[in-house]
Each structure stands twice: as C-alpha cells, then as structure tokens.
PDB file of N, CA and C in Angstrom:
ATOM      1  N   MET A   1       0.835  -1.190   0.000  1.00  0.00           N
ATOM      2  CA  MET A   1       0.000   0.000   0.000  1.00  0.00           C
ATOM      3  C   MET A   1       0.879   1.252   0.000  1.00  0.00           C
ATOM      4  N   GLY A   2       1.361   1.579  -1.151  1.00  0.00           N
ATOM      5  CA  GLY A   2       2.210   2.765  -1.238  1.00  0.00           C
ATOM      6  C   GLY A   2       2.020   3.463  -2.558  1.00  0.00           C
ATOM      7  N   LYS A   3       3.114   3.969  -3.103  1.00  0.00           N
ATOM      8  CA  LYS A   3       3.048   4.748  -4.348  1.00  0.00           C
ATOM      9  C   LYS A   3       2.626   3.916  -5.553  1.00  0.00           C
ATOM     10  N   GLY A   4       2.838   2.605  -5.505  1.00  0.00           N
ATOM     11  CA  GLY A   4       2.482   1.744  -6.631  1.00  0.00           C
ATOM     12  C   GLY A   4       1.029   1.288  -6.616  1.00  0.00           C
ATOM     13  N   ASP A   5       0.336   1.497  -5.497  1.00  0.00           N
ATOM     14  CA  ASP A   5      -1.048   1.042  -5.366  1.00  0.00           C
ATOM     15  C   ASP A   5      -2.006   2.074  -5.963  1.00  0.00           C
ATOM     16  N   LYS A   6      -2.703   1.697  -7.019  1.00  0.00           N
ATOM     17  CA  LYS A   6      -3.592   2.614  -7.743  1.00  0.00           C
ATOM     18  C   LYS A   6      -4.811   3.048  -6.931  1.00  0.00           C
ATOM     19  N   LYS A   7      -5.185   2.252  -5.921  1.00  0.00           N
ATOM     20  CA  LYS A   7      -6.408   2.534  -5.177  1.00  0.00           C
ATOM     21  C   LYS A   7      -6.220   3.472  -3.981  1.00  0.00           C
ATOM     22  N   THR A   8      -4.977   3.789  -3.634  1.00  0.00           N
ATOM     23  CA  THR A   8      -4.737   4.673  -2.487  1.00  0.00           C
ATOM     24  C   THR A   8      -4.484   6.107  -2.957  1.00  0.00           C
ATOM     25  N   LYS A   9      -4.653   7.039  -2.032  1.00  0.00           N
ATOM     26  CA  LYS A   9      -4.435   8.455  -2.345  1.00  0.00           C
ATOM     27  C   LYS A   9      -2.997   8.703  -2.775  1.00  0.00           C
ATOM     28  N   LYS A  10      -2.052   8.074  -2.070  1.00  0.00           N
ATOM     29  CA  LYS A  10      -0.630   8.230  -2.378  1.00  0.00           C
ATOM     30  C   LYS A  10      -0.315   7.709  -3.783  1.00  0.00           C
ATOM     31  N   GLY A  11      -0.927   6.592  -4.124  1.00  0.00           N
ATOM     32  CA  GLY A  11      -0.719   6.001  -5.446  1.00  0.00           C
ATOM     33  C   GLY A  11      -1.314   6.852  -6.553  1.00  0.00           C
ATOM     34  N   LYS A  12      -2.457   7.467  -6.266  1.00  0.00           N
ATOM     35  CA  LYS A  12      -3.106   8.333  -7.256  1.00  0.00           C
ATOM     36  C   LYS A  12      -2.303   9.611  -7.479  1.00  0.00           C
ATOM     37  N   ILE A  13      -1.689  10.135  -6.418  1.00  0.00           N
ATOM     38  CA  ILE A  13      -0.830  11.315  -6.540  1.00  0.00           C
ATOM     39  C   ILE A  13       0.392  10.961  -7.387  1.00  0.00           C
ATOM     40  N   ALA A  14       0.965   9.778  -7.149  1.00  0.00           N
ATOM     41  CA  ALA A  14       2.135   9.333  -7.897  1.00  0.00           C
ATOM     42  C   ALA A  14       1.806   9.125  -9.378  1.00  0.00           C
ATOM     43  N   GLN A  15       0.590   8.623  -9.650  1.00  0.00           N
ATOM     44  CA  GLN A  15       0.163   8.380 -11.026  1.00  0.00           C
ATOM     45  C   GLN A  15      -0.371   9.636 -11.700  1.00  0.00           C
ATOM     46  N   GLY A  16      -0.896  10.551 -10.894  1.00  0.00           N
ATOM     47  CA  GLY A  16      -1.504  11.765 -11.432  1.00  0.00           C
ATOM     48  C   GLY A  16      -2.937  11.547 -11.858  1.00  0.00           C
ATOM     49  N   SER A  17      -3.623  10.597 -11.188  1.00  0.00           N
ATOM     50  CA  SER A  17      -5.013  10.317 -11.530  1.00  0.00           C
ATOM     51  C   SER A  17      -5.942  10.730 -10.387  1.00  0.00           C
ATOM     52  N   PHE A  18      -7.234  10.733 -10.670  1.00  0.00           N
ATOM     53  CA  PHE A  18      -8.234  11.125  -9.684  1.00  0.00           C
ATOM     54  C   PHE A  18      -9.275  10.027  -9.542  1.00  0.00           C
ATOM     55  N   GLY A  19      -9.956   9.998  -8.394  1.00  0.00           N
ATOM     56  CA  GLY A  19     -10.992   8.998  -8.153  1.00  0.00           C
ATOM     57  C   GLY A  19     -11.663   9.248  -6.815  1.00  0.00           C
ATOM     58  N   VAL A  20     -12.187   8.157  -6.200  1.00  0.00           N
ATOM     59  CA  VAL A  20     -12.911   8.265  -4.935  1.00  0.00           C
ATOM     60  C   VAL A  20     -11.986   8.741  -3.812  1.00  0.00           C
ATOM     61  N   ASN A  21     -10.779   8.181  -3.751  1.00  0.00           N
ATOM     62  CA  ASN A  21      -9.827   8.542  -2.698  1.00  0.00           C
ATOM     63  C   ASN A  21      -9.117   9.861  -2.951  1.00  0.00           C
ATOM     64  N   ARG A  22      -9.177  10.364  -4.180  1.00  0.00           N
ATOM     65  CA  ARG A  22      -8.545  11.640  -4.523  1.00  0.00           C
ATOM     66  C   ARG A  22      -9.441  12.372  -5.512  1.00  0.00           C
ATOM     67  N   PRO A  23     -10.506  13.010  -5.020  1.00  0.00           N
ATOM     68  CA  PRO A  23     -11.419  13.707  -5.924  1.00  0.00           C
ATOM     69  C   PRO A  23     -10.833  15.015  -6.448  1.00  0.00           C
ATOM     70  N   LYS A  24     -11.299  15.418  -7.613  1.00  0.00           N
ATOM     71  CA  LYS A  24     -10.881  16.698  -8.184  1.00  0.00           C
ATOM     72  C   LYS A  24     -11.621  17.812  -7.452  1.00  0.00           C
ATOM     73  N   LYS A  25     -10.972  18.961  -7.330  1.00  0.00           N
ATOM     74  CA  LYS A  25     -11.623  20.107  -6.698  1.00  0.00           C
ATOM     75  C   LYS A  25     -12.697  20.633  -7.640  1.00  0.00           C
ATOM     76  N   LYS A  26     -13.845  20.969  -7.068  1.00  0.00           N
ATOM     77  CA  LYS A  26     -14.940  21.507  -7.877  1.00  0.00           C
ATOM     78  C   LYS A  26     -14.663  22.968  -8.185  1.00  0.00           C
ATOM     79  N   VAL A  27     -14.898  23.353  -9.432  1.00  0.00           N
ATOM     80  CA  VAL A  27     -14.675  24.725  -9.874  1.00  0.00           C
ATOM     81  C   VAL A  27     -15.926  25.536  -9.561  1.00  0.00           C
ATOM     82  N   VAL A  28     -15.743  26.645  -8.835  1.00  0.00           N
ATOM     83  CA  VAL A  28     -16.851  27.531  -8.495  1.00  0.00           C
ATOM     84  C   VAL A  28     -16.984  28.568  -9.607  1.00  0.00           C
ATOM     85  N   LYS A  29     -18.127  28.548 -10.272  1.00  0.00           N
ATOM     86  CA  LYS A  29     -18.353  29.508 -11.355  1.00  0.00           C
ATOM     87  C   LYS A  29     -18.857  30.817 -10.769  1.00  0.00           C
ATOM     88  N   LYS A  30     -18.290  31.904 -11.227  1.00  0.00           N
ATOM     89  CA  LYS A  30     -18.713  33.226 -10.767  1.00  0.00           C
ATOM     90  C   LYS A  30     -19.638  33.840 -11.818  1.00  0.00           C
ATOM     91  N   THR A  31     -20.770  34.326 -11.376  1.00  0.00           N
ATOM     92  CA  THR A  31     -21.706  34.980 -12.286  1.00  0.00           C
ATOM     93  C   THR A  31     -21.732  36.469 -11.974  1.00  0.00           C
ATOM     94  N   ILE A  32     -21.958  37.271 -12.969  1.00  0.00           N
ATOM     95  CA  ILE A  32     -21.992  38.720 -12.800  1.00  0.00           C
ATOM     96  C   ILE A  32     -23.449  39.169 -12.805  1.00  0.00           C
ATOM     97  N   ASP A  33     -23.841  39.865 -11.742  1.00  0.00           N
ATOM     98  CA  ASP A  33     -25.213  40.364 -11.666  1.00  0.00           C
ATOM     99  C   ASP A  33     -25.366  41.652 -12.479  1.00  0.00           C
ATOM    100  N   LYS A  34     -26.555  42.224 -12.469  1.00  0.00           N
ATOM    101  CA  LYS A  34     -26.875  43.390 -13.302  1.00  0.00           C
ATOM    102  C   LYS A  34     -26.037  44.630 -12.977  1.00  0.00           C
ATOM    103  N   LYS A  35     -25.581  44.733 -11.725  1.00  0.00           N
ATOM    104  CA  LYS A  35     -24.792  45.896 -11.309  1.00  0.00           C
ATOM    105  C   LYS A  35     -23.315  45.774 -11.673  1.00  0.00           C
ATOM    106  N   GLY A  36     -22.909  44.612 -12.159  1.00  0.00           N
ATOM    107  CA  GLY A  36     -21.519  44.402 -12.570  1.00  0.00           C
ATOM    108  C   GLY A  36     -20.624  43.860 -11.479  1.00  0.00           C
ATOM    109  N   LYS A  37     -21.211  43.437 -10.372  1.00  0.00           N
ATOM    110  CA  LYS A  37     -20.432  42.859  -9.271  1.00  0.00           C
ATOM    111  C   LYS A  37     -20.403  41.349  -9.433  1.00  0.00           C
ATOM    112  N   ALA A  38     -19.265  40.760  -9.113  1.00  0.00           N
ATOM    113  CA  ALA A  38     -19.108  39.301  -9.220  1.00  0.00           C
ATOM    114  C   ALA A  38     -19.847  38.613  -8.075  1.00  0.00           C
ATOM    115  N   LYS A  39     -20.550  37.573  -8.425  1.00  0.00           N
ATOM    116  CA  LYS A  39     -21.319  36.797  -7.461  1.00  0.00           C
ATOM    117  C   LYS A  39     -20.837  35.363  -7.521  1.00  0.00           C
ATOM    118  N   LYS A  40     -20.806  34.664  -6.379  1.00  0.00           N
ATOM    119  CA  LYS A  40     -20.408  33.256  -6.375  1.00  0.00           C
ATOM    120  C   LYS A  40     -21.594  32.373  -6.667  1.00  0.00           C
TER     121      LYS A  40
END
C-alpha cells in the first residue's frame, strides 16, 4: 500500500489520476449580476 497502489491516495498522486480517494476540486463559477459585481 504505497506509491504503486492505484487505489490509495498516495498512489493516485504518484500516477496523477483522480478517483474516490482523490477527488478533483470543484470549480466555483462566478456569475456577474446586473450591477456588474461578481457573485459566487
């Protein structure tokens, strides 16, 4: 259970892949309201 194990977080970091143990960060889209101010 180390860098060679595809199912662990450490292994996914070493491989550069994502999954259940290493999810991708969700991108927060910003919308602009009528006044021109950025809204989350």
